[in-house]
């Protein structure tokens, strides 16, 4: 056994080094809103203001291009197409401005995919157009209501007039005749019945008492003068009563398709008595007046129906073109918003 102490000393062992990794603090980033309402409202207000300005300008240009005088100003067709073109231009200009502002003024989004940014810009433009449309409708409520409701009101009024033309004339004429009014609704046709026949011999005026306003004749051989006629016993009063009766007969005949034969014969007798015509000629005149009267009423009905149909077509065309114009405005606003958003992200 070796007892010497000359063993080699072992080398010292190095101390182990431990690396401590400290994670960075987590900072919560502010959440970005997908909708920039400030930019949307700014674009909508700008679009509504521009729409109002252009509409007022269009009204001024339109009124300056038409005239109530004949052969002056543009035609109705030209005026209609010009109005449509101006409304379309107004929608494109106002919607384009509002959409561009909504896209250009919105918040810049970070860490978004390109498609998502494109979708958000499109949505901003569409919402801006919707708000602008509501604002414009609120500002122009009376004007829009007049444009869309005028045709319907005229159509309803003229249709009602067409349906009640004969009935209304009959009722009004009957009422005026019952009150003794000489100016009835069919007074013209009554006058045409009693027009003098130039080919017939005029009947001699009947010999009657002297005029009521003339002074009394001096007595002859001491006899008293003849009595003055009673008030209302002259021929003019009789003629007014006859015409009033004829008015009632004609008005009553309008309630049916033809006049009663007994009424036709009776009117012929009255016309023959008043004009000196023969009975056959008088009845022929009554028939002719009835035919022309009903033709005039039918013509009035046709004109009223035509006016109602024209108003209906005008209202339908105005509504359809307004719908198309709004769609064009929505598309332009969305497209302009994507363009403004791209410029914002440069």
Protein backbone atom coordinates (compact mmCIF):
# COMPACT_ATOMS: atom_id res chain seq x y z
CA UNK A 1 0.00 0.00 0.00
CA UNK A 2 1.43 3.33 -0.99
CA UNK A 3 1.37 5.73 1.85
CA UNK A 4 2.85 8.59 0.03
CA UNK A 5 0.80 11.59 -0.35
CA UNK A 6 1.85 12.55 -3.86
CA UNK A 7 -1.47 11.83 -5.56
CA UNK A 8 -2.48 14.31 -8.24
CA UNK A 9 -5.09 16.78 -7.10
CA UNK A 10 -8.30 16.78 -9.19
CA UNK A 11 -9.14 19.91 -11.25
CA UNK A 12 -11.77 22.16 -9.75
CA UNK A 13 -15.29 21.88 -11.29
CA UNK A 14 -16.66 25.12 -12.84
CA UNK A 15 -19.92 26.44 -11.48
CA UNK A 16 -23.01 25.94 -13.77
CA UNK A 17 -24.47 29.12 -15.41
CA UNK A 18 -28.32 29.37 -15.50
CA UNK A 19 -29.92 31.83 -18.03
CA UNK A 20 -33.22 33.33 -16.90
CA UNK A 21 -35.51 34.46 -19.80
CA UNK A 22 -38.01 37.17 -18.85
CA UNK A 23 -41.00 37.46 -21.26
CA UNK A 24 -41.83 40.99 -22.50
CA UNK A 25 -44.87 42.61 -21.01
CA UNK A 26 -48.07 42.11 -22.99
CA UNK A 27 -49.50 45.42 -24.12
CA UNK A 28 -53.17 45.44 -25.18
CA UNK A 29 -53.46 47.29 -28.49
CA UNK A 30 -56.53 49.53 -28.89
CA UNK A 31 -59.29 47.78 -30.78
CA UNK A 32 -60.00 49.31 -34.20
CA UNK A 33 -63.64 49.84 -35.08
CA UNK A 34 -64.74 48.41 -38.40
CA UNK A 35 -67.04 51.39 -39.02
CA UNK A 36 -65.87 55.00 -39.11
CA UNK A 37 -69.10 56.85 -38.41
CA UNK A 38 -67.43 60.22 -38.60
CA UNK A 39 -66.31 59.59 -42.16
CA UNK A 40 -69.73 58.19 -43.10
CA UNK A 41 -71.62 61.20 -41.72
CA UNK A 42 -69.19 63.60 -43.39
CA UNK A 43 -69.70 61.94 -46.78
CA UNK A 44 -73.47 61.75 -46.32
CA UNK A 45 -73.81 65.44 -45.41
CA UNK A 46 -71.67 66.47 -48.36
CA UNK A 47 -73.70 64.28 -50.73
CA UNK A 48 -77.03 65.61 -49.42
CA UNK A 49 -75.89 69.23 -49.74
CA UNK A 50 -74.67 68.70 -53.31
CA UNK A 51 -77.92 66.92 -54.21
CA UNK A 52 -79.96 69.84 -52.89
CA UNK A 53 -77.88 72.35 -54.85
CA UNK A 54 -78.12 70.38 -58.09
CA UNK A 55 -81.86 69.76 -57.73
CA UNK A 56 -82.52 73.48 -57.21
CA UNK A 57 -80.35 74.27 -60.22
CA UNK A 58 -82.24 71.70 -62.28
CA UNK A 59 -85.59 73.20 -61.29
CA UNK A 60 -84.40 76.61 -62.40
CA UNK A 61 -83.09 75.31 -65.73
CA UNK A 62 -86.26 73.31 -66.31
CA UNK A 63 -88.62 76.21 -65.65
CA UNK A 64 -86.56 78.46 -67.90
CA UNK A 65 -86.83 75.99 -70.78
CA UNK A 66 -90.64 75.72 -70.87
CA UNK A 67 -93.29 78.30 -71.64
CA UNK A 68 -97.09 78.32 -71.52
CA UNK A 69 -97.22 80.03 -74.90
CA UNK A 70 -97.75 77.90 -77.99
CA UNK A 71 -94.72 76.92 -80.06
CA UNK A 72 -92.30 78.23 -77.43
CA UNK A 73 -89.94 76.24 -75.22
CA UNK A 74 -89.07 72.56 -75.36
CA UNK A 75 -91.60 69.81 -75.91
CA UNK A 76 -92.95 67.65 -73.12
CA UNK A 77 -90.95 64.65 -74.30
CA UNK A 78 -87.71 66.64 -74.41
CA UNK A 79 -88.43 68.07 -70.97
CA UNK A 80 -89.03 64.57 -69.56
CA UNK A 81 -85.82 63.08 -70.93
CA UNK A 82 -83.85 66.14 -69.83
CA UNK A 83 -85.21 65.76 -66.31
CA UNK A 84 -84.19 62.09 -66.23
CA UNK A 85 -80.69 62.92 -67.47
CA UNK A 86 -80.28 65.67 -64.87
CA UNK A 87 -81.46 63.47 -62.01
CA UNK A 88 -79.02 60.76 -63.10
CA UNK A 89 -76.17 63.27 -63.22
CA UNK A 90 -77.16 64.56 -59.77
CA UNK A 91 -77.13 61.05 -58.34
CA UNK A 92 -73.72 60.25 -59.86
CA UNK A 93 -72.08 63.50 -58.72
CA UNK A 94 -73.50 63.56 -55.20
CA UNK A 95 -73.01 59.83 -54.54
CA UNK A 96 -69.48 59.92 -55.92
CA UNK A 97 -68.52 62.81 -53.66
CA UNK A 98 -70.08 61.24 -50.56
CA UNK A 99 -68.55 57.81 -51.17
CA UNK A 100 -65.08 59.22 -51.85
CA UNK A 101 -65.12 61.27 -48.65
CA UNK A 102 -66.36 58.30 -46.62
CA UNK A 103 -63.47 56.14 -47.89
CA UNK A 104 -60.79 58.81 -47.73
CA UNK A 105 -61.61 60.03 -44.21
CA UNK A 106 -62.06 56.66 -42.52
CA UNK A 107 -59.62 55.24 -39.99
CA UNK A 108 -56.57 53.44 -41.37
CA UNK A 109 -56.88 49.78 -40.51
CA UNK A 110 -53.74 47.70 -39.79
CA UNK A 111 -53.09 43.99 -40.15
CA UNK A 112 -56.08 43.46 -42.45
CA UNK A 113 -56.32 41.36 -45.54
CA UNK A 114 -56.81 43.22 -48.78
CA UNK A 115 -60.22 41.74 -49.41
CA UNK A 116 -61.42 42.77 -45.96
CA UNK A 117 -60.26 46.34 -46.53
CA UNK A 118 -62.03 46.40 -49.90
CA UNK A 119 -65.24 45.11 -48.31
CA UNK A 120 -65.15 47.67 -45.52
CA UNK A 121 -64.57 50.53 -47.95
CA UNK A 122 -67.49 49.34 -50.07
CA UNK A 123 -69.70 49.14 -46.99
CA UNK A 124 -68.67 52.66 -45.96
CA UNK A 125 -69.67 54.02 -49.35
CA UNK A 126 -73.01 52.22 -49.33
CA UNK A 127 -73.89 53.34 -45.79
CA UNK A 128 -72.88 56.90 -46.66
CA UNK A 129 -75.19 56.79 -49.70
CA UNK A 130 -78.05 55.43 -47.56
CA UNK A 131 -77.69 58.18 -44.96
CA UNK A 132 -77.44 60.84 -47.69
CA UNK A 133 -80.57 59.49 -49.36
CA UNK A 134 -82.51 59.72 -46.11
CA UNK A 135 -81.25 63.26 -45.50
CA UNK A 136 -82.17 64.33 -49.02
CA UNK A 137 -85.62 62.79 -48.68
CA UNK A 138 -86.10 64.67 -45.41
CA UNK A 139 -85.08 67.95 -47.05
CA UNK A 140 -87.19 67.41 -50.16
CA UNK A 141 -90.21 65.67 -48.67
CA UNK A 142 -92.73 68.00 -50.22
CA UNK A 143 -91.02 67.99 -53.61
CA UNK A 144 -90.69 64.19 -53.81
CA UNK A 145 -94.25 63.76 -52.56
CA UNK A 146 -95.47 66.16 -55.20
CA UNK A 147 -93.62 64.39 -58.00
CA UNK A 148 -94.82 60.92 -57.03
CA UNK A 149 -98.26 61.84 -55.78
CA UNK A 150 -99.35 64.36 -58.37
CA UNK A 151 -99.95 61.73 -61.00
CA UNK A 152 -101.94 59.55 -58.64
CA UNK A 153 -104.05 62.49 -57.46
CA UNK A 154 -104.77 63.65 -61.00
CA UNK A 155 -105.53 60.11 -62.07
CA UNK A 156 -107.98 59.62 -59.23
CA UNK A 157 -109.65 62.97 -59.79
CA UNK A 158 -109.99 62.57 -63.53
CA UNK A 159 -111.15 58.99 -63.24
CA UNK A 160 -113.83 60.06 -60.80
CA UNK A 161 -114.81 62.89 -63.08
CA UNK A 162 -115.02 60.51 -66.03
CA UNK A 163 -117.21 58.13 -64.08
CA UNK A 164 -119.58 60.81 -62.85
CA UNK A 165 -119.64 63.25 -65.76
CA UNK A 166 -123.16 62.46 -66.87
CA UNK A 167 -124.39 61.83 -63.36
CA UNK A 168 -122.83 65.01 -62.04
CA UNK A 169 -124.27 67.12 -64.82
CA UNK A 170 -127.63 65.49 -64.31
CA UNK A 171 -127.64 66.10 -60.58
CA UNK A 172 -126.42 69.67 -60.87
CA UNK A 173 -128.80 70.48 -63.70
CA UNK A 174 -131.71 68.97 -61.83
CA UNK A 175 -130.88 70.98 -58.74
CA UNK A 176 -130.52 74.24 -60.64
CA UNK A 177 -133.69 73.58 -62.58
CA UNK A 178 -135.59 72.79 -59.39
CA UNK A 179 -134.47 76.12 -57.92
CA UNK A 180 -135.58 77.96 -61.03
CA UNK A 181 -132.04 78.83 -62.13
CA UNK A 182 -131.96 79.82 -65.78
CA UNK A 183 -128.24 79.10 -66.13
CA UNK A 184 -128.40 75.32 -65.79
CA UNK A 185 -125.59 73.00 -66.79
CA UNK A 186 -127.38 72.04 -70.02
CA UNK A 187 -128.78 75.48 -70.75
CA UNK A 188 -126.84 75.68 -74.00
CA UNK A 189 -128.61 72.60 -75.32
CA UNK A 190 -131.96 73.96 -74.18
CA UNK A 191 -131.24 77.18 -76.06
CA UNK A 192 -130.33 75.21 -79.17
CA UNK A 193 -133.77 73.58 -79.09
CA UNK A 194 -135.60 76.90 -79.22
CA UNK A 195 -133.51 78.62 -81.86
CA UNK A 196 -135.61 80.31 -84.48
CA UNK A 197 -135.91 78.49 -87.77
CA UNK A 198 -134.91 80.96 -90.51
CA UNK A 199 -136.85 79.03 -93.17
CA UNK A 200 -140.07 79.00 -91.19
CA UNK A 201 -142.52 81.90 -91.13
CA UNK A 202 -142.38 83.76 -87.88
CA UNK A 203 -145.68 83.64 -86.03
CA UNK A 204 -147.36 86.96 -85.53
CA UNK A 205 -147.25 88.21 -81.99
CA UNK A 206 -150.57 87.73 -80.24
CA UNK A 207 -152.71 90.74 -79.67
CA UNK A 208 -152.79 91.23 -75.95
CA UNK A 209 -153.34 93.93 -73.47
CA UNK A 210 -151.15 96.99 -73.50
CA UNK A 211 -147.83 97.06 -71.72
CA UNK A 212 -148.10 97.34 -67.99
CA UNK A 213 -145.73 100.28 -67.92
CA UNK A 214 -147.71 102.30 -70.55
CA UNK A 215 -150.08 104.98 -69.33
CA UNK A 216 -153.77 104.07 -69.35
CA UNK A 217 -155.65 104.93 -72.51
CA UNK A 218 -158.20 107.68 -72.25
CA UNK A 219 -161.78 106.50 -71.81
CA UNK A 220 -163.85 106.09 -74.94
CA UNK A 221 -167.45 107.18 -74.74
CA UNK A 222 -167.09 107.32 -70.97
CA UNK A 223 -166.06 103.61 -70.65
CA UNK A 224 -163.30 102.79 -68.13
CA UNK A 225 -159.87 101.70 -69.51
CA UNK A 226 -159.07 97.95 -69.68
CA UNK A 227 -157.33 96.49 -66.61
CA UNK A 228 -153.56 96.12 -66.63
CA UNK A 229 -152.17 92.57 -66.90
CA UNK A 230 -151.21 90.80 -63.70
CA UNK A 231 -147.46 90.59 -62.90
CA UNK A 232 -145.81 87.49 -64.39
CA UNK A 233 -148.48 86.99 -67.03
CA UNK A 234 -146.19 87.97 -69.93
CA UNK A 235 -144.62 85.68 -72.53
CA UNK A 236 -141.12 86.03 -71.07
CA UNK A 237 -142.22 84.44 -67.81
CA UNK A 238 -143.91 81.63 -69.74
CA UNK A 239 -140.74 81.12 -71.78
CA UNK A 240 -138.63 80.83 -68.62
CA UNK A 241 -140.99 78.24 -67.19
CA UNK A 242 -140.92 76.25 -70.42
CA UNK A 243 -137.13 76.31 -70.58
CA UNK A 244 -136.88 75.24 -66.94
CA UNK A 245 -139.18 72.30 -67.65
CA UNK A 246 -137.20 71.34 -70.74
CA UNK A 247 -134.00 71.54 -68.70
CA UNK A 248 -135.39 69.08 -66.19
CA UNK A 249 -136.51 66.70 -68.94
CA UNK A 250 -133.10 66.70 -70.63
CA UNK A 251 -131.25 66.25 -67.34
CA UNK A 252 -133.49 63.32 -66.40
CA UNK A 253 -132.92 61.71 -69.81
CA UNK A 254 -129.16 61.65 -69.18
CA UNK A 255 -129.67 59.07 -66.44
CA UNK A 256 -130.58 56.48 -69.08
CA UNK A 257 -129.25 55.56 -72.49
CA UNK A 258 -132.06 57.19 -74.48
CA UNK A 259 -134.82 59.69 -73.90
CA UNK A 260 -138.29 58.39 -73.25
CA UNK A 261 -140.43 58.53 -76.44
CA UNK A 262 -143.18 60.39 -74.59
CA UNK A 263 -140.67 63.05 -73.49
CA UNK A 264 -139.37 63.31 -77.05
CA UNK A 265 -142.87 63.89 -78.40
CA UNK A 266 -143.65 66.40 -75.67
CA UNK A 267 -140.45 68.35 -76.29
CA UNK A 268 -141.26 68.36 -80.00
CA UNK A 269 -144.62 69.96 -79.24
CA UNK A 270 -143.00 72.63 -77.07
CA UNK A 271 -140.37 73.38 -79.70
CA UNK A 272 -142.99 73.55 -82.43
CA UNK A 273 -145.08 75.95 -80.37
CA UNK A 274 -142.16 78.22 -79.53
CA UNK A 275 -140.44 78.28 -82.93
CA UNK A 276 -143.28 77.83 -85.39
CA UNK A 277 -141.80 74.64 -86.79
CA UNK A 278 -143.82 71.62 -87.77
CA UNK A 279 -144.14 68.73 -85.36
CA UNK A 280 -141.90 66.48 -87.50
CA UNK A 281 -139.19 69.14 -87.76
CA UNK A 282 -139.40 69.86 -84.04
CA UNK A 283 -139.00 66.18 -83.11
CA UNK A 284 -136.08 65.88 -85.54
CA UNK A 285 -134.43 68.82 -83.80
CA UNK A 286 -134.99 67.23 -80.39
CA UNK A 287 -133.41 63.98 -81.59
CA UNK A 288 -130.46 65.84 -83.14
CA UNK A 289 -129.82 67.83 -79.94
CA UNK A 290 -129.97 64.66 -77.87
CA UNK A 291 -127.47 62.95 -80.18
CA UNK A 292 -125.02 65.87 -80.08
CA UNK A 293 -125.37 66.20 -76.31
CA UNK A 294 -124.57 62.55 -75.68
CA UNK A 295 -121.67 62.73 -78.14
CA UNK A 296 -120.26 65.71 -76.25
CA UNK A 297 -120.58 63.83 -72.95
CA UNK A 298 -118.88 60.76 -74.41
CA UNK A 299 -116.07 62.95 -75.73
CA UNK A 300 -115.64 64.51 -72.28
CA UNK A 301 -115.48 61.03 -70.74
CA UNK A 302 -112.87 59.91 -73.24
CA UNK A 303 -110.74 63.00 -72.62
CA UNK A 304 -110.96 62.46 -68.85
CA UNK A 305 -109.96 58.80 -69.21
CA UNK A 306 -107.08 59.76 -71.51
CA UNK A 307 -105.86 62.33 -69.00
CA UNK A 308 -106.06 59.74 -66.22
CA UNK A 309 -104.12 57.22 -68.30
CA UNK A 310 -101.45 59.78 -69.19
CA UNK A 311 -101.07 60.70 -65.52
CA UNK A 312 -100.79 57.02 -64.59
CA UNK A 313 -98.06 56.43 -67.18
CA UNK A 314 -96.16 59.54 -66.12
CA UNK A 315 -96.26 58.46 -62.47
CA UNK A 316 -95.11 54.93 -63.32
CA UNK A 317 -92.22 56.17 -65.46
CA UNK A 318 -91.16 58.67 -62.78
CA UNK A 319 -91.12 55.96 -60.09
CA UNK A 320 -89.16 53.51 -62.28
CA UNK A 321 -86.55 56.06 -63.29
CA UNK A 322 -86.20 57.26 -59.71
CA UNK A 323 -85.56 53.66 -58.68
CA UNK A 324 -82.90 53.25 -61.38
CA UNK A 325 -81.30 56.56 -60.39
CA UNK A 326 -81.05 55.48 -56.76
CA UNK A 327 -79.42 52.20 -57.75
CA UNK A 328 -76.87 54.06 -59.86
CA UNK A 329 -76.13 56.34 -56.91
CA UNK A 330 -75.56 53.37 -54.58
CA UNK A 331 -73.14 51.76 -57.02
CA UNK A 332 -71.18 54.99 -57.62
CA UNK A 333 -70.94 55.68 -53.87
CA UNK A 334 -69.57 52.20 -53.13
CA UNK A 335 -67.09 52.37 -55.99
CA UNK A 336 -65.88 55.85 -55.01
CA UNK A 337 -65.40 54.73 -51.40
CA UNK A 338 -62.99 51.96 -52.50
CA UNK A 339 -61.03 54.50 -54.51
CA UNK A 340 -60.87 56.92 -51.57
CA UNK A 341 -59.86 54.09 -49.22
CA UNK A 342 -56.97 53.11 -51.48
CA UNK A 343 -55.76 56.70 -51.53
CA UNK A 344 -56.02 56.76 -47.73
CA UNK A 345 -53.79 53.69 -47.30
CA UNK A 346 -50.99 54.95 -49.57
